[in-house]
């Protein structure tokens, strides 16, 4: 990608597309991490035979098992 961006926009002009691509990558990483964490939480509940839960922690809105 970087080589094609430099060919199209030049060395200085390729910085903005690279930065925008990095921001999108950070967003997708966050979404995939959140989704994967939810799946691990659900799988742990299934393997233990009961749903994990508990009282929400103040200020976070999630239980202690979700935080772990």
N, C-alpha and C. Protein backbone atom coordinates (compact mmCIF):
# COMPACT_ATOMS: atom_id res chain seq x y z
N UNK A 1 0.82 -1.19 0.00
CA UNK A 1 0.00 0.00 0.00
C UNK A 1 0.86 1.25 0.00
N UNK A 2 1.89 1.25 0.81
CA UNK A 2 2.72 2.45 0.94
C UNK A 2 3.41 2.80 -0.38
N UNK A 3 3.87 1.79 -1.11
CA UNK A 3 4.54 2.04 -2.39
C UNK A 3 3.55 2.61 -3.40
N UNK A 4 2.35 2.07 -3.45
CA UNK A 4 1.35 2.57 -4.39
C UNK A 4 0.91 3.98 -4.02
N UNK A 5 0.79 4.26 -2.73
CA UNK A 5 0.40 5.61 -2.30
C UNK A 5 1.48 6.62 -2.66
N UNK A 6 2.74 6.25 -2.51
CA UNK A 6 3.84 7.17 -2.88
C UNK A 6 3.87 7.38 -4.38
N UNK A 7 3.56 6.33 -5.13
CA UNK A 7 3.55 6.48 -6.59
C UNK A 7 2.43 7.41 -7.03
N UNK A 8 1.30 7.37 -6.33
CA UNK A 8 0.16 8.20 -6.71
C UNK A 8 0.26 9.62 -6.17
N UNK A 9 0.67 9.76 -4.90
CA UNK A 9 0.60 11.06 -4.22
C UNK A 9 1.96 11.69 -3.95
N UNK A 10 3.06 10.98 -4.19
CA UNK A 10 4.39 11.49 -3.86
C UNK A 10 4.73 11.14 -2.42
N UNK A 11 5.97 11.42 -2.04
CA UNK A 11 6.41 11.04 -0.70
C UNK A 11 5.72 11.86 0.38
N UNK A 12 5.48 13.12 0.14
CA UNK A 12 4.80 13.96 1.14
C UNK A 12 3.30 13.72 1.14
N UNK A 13 2.73 13.53 -0.02
CA UNK A 13 1.29 13.36 -0.13
C UNK A 13 0.80 12.01 0.36
N UNK A 14 1.69 11.03 0.48
CA UNK A 14 1.30 9.69 0.93
C UNK A 14 1.11 9.62 2.44
N UNK A 15 1.47 10.67 3.15
CA UNK A 15 1.34 10.64 4.61
C UNK A 15 -0.12 10.66 5.06
N UNK A 16 -0.95 11.46 4.42
CA UNK A 16 -2.35 11.54 4.81
C UNK A 16 -3.09 10.22 4.58
N UNK A 17 -2.98 9.59 3.40
CA UNK A 17 -3.64 8.30 3.24
C UNK A 17 -3.12 7.24 4.22
N UNK A 18 -1.83 7.27 4.52
CA UNK A 18 -1.27 6.32 5.48
C UNK A 18 -1.84 6.56 6.88
N UNK A 19 -1.98 7.82 7.25
CA UNK A 19 -2.54 8.15 8.56
C UNK A 19 -4.01 7.73 8.65
N UNK A 20 -4.76 7.98 7.59
CA UNK A 20 -6.17 7.59 7.57
C UNK A 20 -6.32 6.07 7.63
N UNK A 21 -5.43 5.37 6.92
CA UNK A 21 -5.47 3.91 6.98
C UNK A 21 -5.13 3.41 8.37
N UNK A 22 -4.20 4.06 9.05
CA UNK A 22 -3.83 3.67 10.41
C UNK A 22 -4.99 3.89 11.37
N UNK A 23 -5.72 4.98 11.21
CA UNK A 23 -6.88 5.23 12.08
C UNK A 23 -7.96 4.18 11.89
N UNK A 24 -8.21 3.81 10.65
CA UNK A 24 -9.18 2.75 10.37
C UNK A 24 -8.72 1.43 10.97
N UNK A 25 -7.43 1.14 10.85
CA UNK A 25 -6.89 -0.10 11.42
C UNK A 25 -7.04 -0.13 12.93
N UNK A 26 -6.82 0.99 13.59
CA UNK A 26 -7.00 1.05 15.05
C UNK A 26 -8.46 0.81 15.42
N UNK A 27 -9.37 1.38 14.64
CA UNK A 27 -10.79 1.16 14.89
C UNK A 27 -11.17 -0.30 14.73
N UNK A 28 -10.72 -0.93 13.66
CA UNK A 28 -11.04 -2.34 13.44
C UNK A 28 -10.41 -3.21 14.52
N UNK A 29 -9.20 -2.88 14.96
CA UNK A 29 -8.57 -3.65 16.03
C UNK A 29 -9.41 -3.58 17.29
N UNK A 30 -9.92 -2.40 17.61
CA UNK A 30 -10.77 -2.25 18.78
C UNK A 30 -12.06 -3.05 18.67
N UNK A 31 -12.68 -3.02 17.49
CA UNK A 31 -13.92 -3.77 17.29
C UNK A 31 -13.66 -5.27 17.41
N UNK A 32 -12.59 -5.76 16.80
CA UNK A 32 -12.28 -7.19 16.87
C UNK A 32 -11.91 -7.61 18.29
N UNK A 33 -11.23 -6.76 19.03
CA UNK A 33 -10.89 -7.08 20.41
C UNK A 33 -12.13 -7.14 21.27
N UNK A 34 -13.04 -6.20 21.09
CA UNK A 34 -14.30 -6.20 21.85
C UNK A 34 -15.11 -7.46 21.54
N UNK A 35 -15.24 -7.78 20.26
CA UNK A 35 -16.01 -8.94 19.85
C UNK A 35 -15.37 -10.23 20.35
N UNK A 36 -14.05 -10.34 20.24
CA UNK A 36 -13.35 -11.52 20.74
C UNK A 36 -13.48 -11.67 22.24
N UNK A 37 -13.42 -10.57 22.97
CA UNK A 37 -13.60 -10.62 24.42
C UNK A 37 -14.98 -11.10 24.81
N UNK A 38 -16.00 -10.64 24.07
CA UNK A 38 -17.36 -11.09 24.33
C UNK A 38 -17.49 -12.59 24.08
N UNK A 39 -16.83 -13.09 23.05
CA UNK A 39 -16.91 -14.51 22.73
C UNK A 39 -16.20 -15.35 23.80
N UNK A 40 -15.06 -14.88 24.29
CA UNK A 40 -14.36 -15.60 25.35
C UNK A 40 -15.21 -15.61 26.62
N UNK A 41 -15.84 -14.50 26.94
CA UNK A 41 -16.72 -14.39 28.11
C UNK A 41 -17.89 -15.37 27.99
N UNK A 42 -18.50 -15.44 26.82
CA UNK A 42 -19.62 -16.36 26.59
C UNK A 42 -19.15 -17.80 26.63
N UNK A 43 -18.03 -18.11 26.01
CA UNK A 43 -17.50 -19.46 26.00
C UNK A 43 -17.15 -19.92 27.41
N UNK A 44 -16.58 -19.05 28.22
CA UNK A 44 -16.26 -19.41 29.61
C UNK A 44 -17.53 -19.75 30.38
N UNK A 45 -18.60 -19.00 30.17
CA UNK A 45 -19.87 -19.31 30.81
C UNK A 45 -20.43 -20.64 30.37
N UNK A 46 -20.32 -20.96 29.10
CA UNK A 46 -20.81 -22.25 28.59
C UNK A 46 -19.99 -23.39 29.15
N UNK A 47 -18.67 -23.25 29.19
CA UNK A 47 -17.82 -24.32 29.70
C UNK A 47 -18.00 -24.54 31.20
N UNK A 48 -18.30 -23.50 31.94
CA UNK A 48 -18.54 -23.64 33.38
C UNK A 48 -19.94 -24.14 33.69
N UNK A 49 -20.83 -24.07 32.73
CA UNK A 49 -22.18 -24.59 32.92
C UNK A 49 -23.18 -23.58 33.44
N UNK A 50 -22.76 -22.36 33.69
CA UNK A 50 -23.67 -21.30 34.13
C UNK A 50 -23.15 -19.97 33.63
N UNK A 51 -24.07 -19.06 33.35
CA UNK A 51 -23.61 -17.75 32.86
C UNK A 51 -22.82 -16.99 33.92
N UNK A 52 -21.77 -16.35 33.47
CA UNK A 52 -20.98 -15.53 34.38
C UNK A 52 -21.73 -14.23 34.63
N UNK A 53 -21.59 -13.72 35.78
CA UNK A 53 -22.29 -12.47 36.06
C UNK A 53 -21.81 -11.88 37.36
N UNK A 54 -22.63 -11.06 37.91
CA UNK A 54 -22.32 -10.38 39.15
C UNK A 54 -22.85 -8.97 39.10
N UNK A 55 -22.66 -8.29 40.20
CA UNK A 55 -23.09 -6.90 40.27
C UNK A 55 -22.15 -6.02 39.46
N UNK A 56 -22.71 -5.02 38.77
CA UNK A 56 -21.84 -4.12 38.01
C UNK A 56 -20.92 -3.32 38.93
N UNK A 57 -19.72 -3.10 38.46
CA UNK A 57 -18.77 -2.29 39.20
C UNK A 57 -19.14 -0.81 39.06
N UNK A 58 -19.01 -0.05 40.12
CA UNK A 58 -19.38 1.37 40.03
C UNK A 58 -18.53 2.11 39.01
N UNK A 59 -19.18 2.87 38.17
CA UNK A 59 -18.49 3.68 37.19
C UNK A 59 -18.13 2.98 35.89
N UNK A 60 -18.11 1.65 35.89
CA UNK A 60 -17.75 0.92 34.68
C UNK A 60 -18.96 0.34 33.97
N UNK A 61 -19.94 -0.11 34.74
CA UNK A 61 -21.13 -0.69 34.13
C UNK A 61 -20.96 -2.12 33.69
N UNK A 62 -19.84 -2.76 34.06
CA UNK A 62 -19.61 -4.16 33.73
C UNK A 62 -19.30 -4.92 35.01
N UNK A 63 -19.48 -6.23 34.98
CA UNK A 63 -19.20 -7.03 36.16
C UNK A 63 -17.71 -7.30 36.27
N UNK A 64 -17.30 -7.83 37.40
CA UNK A 64 -15.89 -8.15 37.62
C UNK A 64 -15.39 -9.23 36.68
N UNK A 65 -16.25 -10.22 36.38
CA UNK A 65 -15.84 -11.28 35.44
C UNK A 65 -15.64 -10.73 34.03
N UNK A 66 -16.44 -9.74 33.63
CA UNK A 66 -16.23 -9.13 32.33
C UNK A 66 -14.94 -8.31 32.30
N UNK A 67 -14.61 -7.70 33.41
CA UNK A 67 -13.38 -6.92 33.48
C UNK A 67 -12.16 -7.83 33.35
N UNK A 68 -12.24 -9.00 33.99
CA UNK A 68 -11.13 -9.96 33.90
C UNK A 68 -11.02 -10.46 32.48
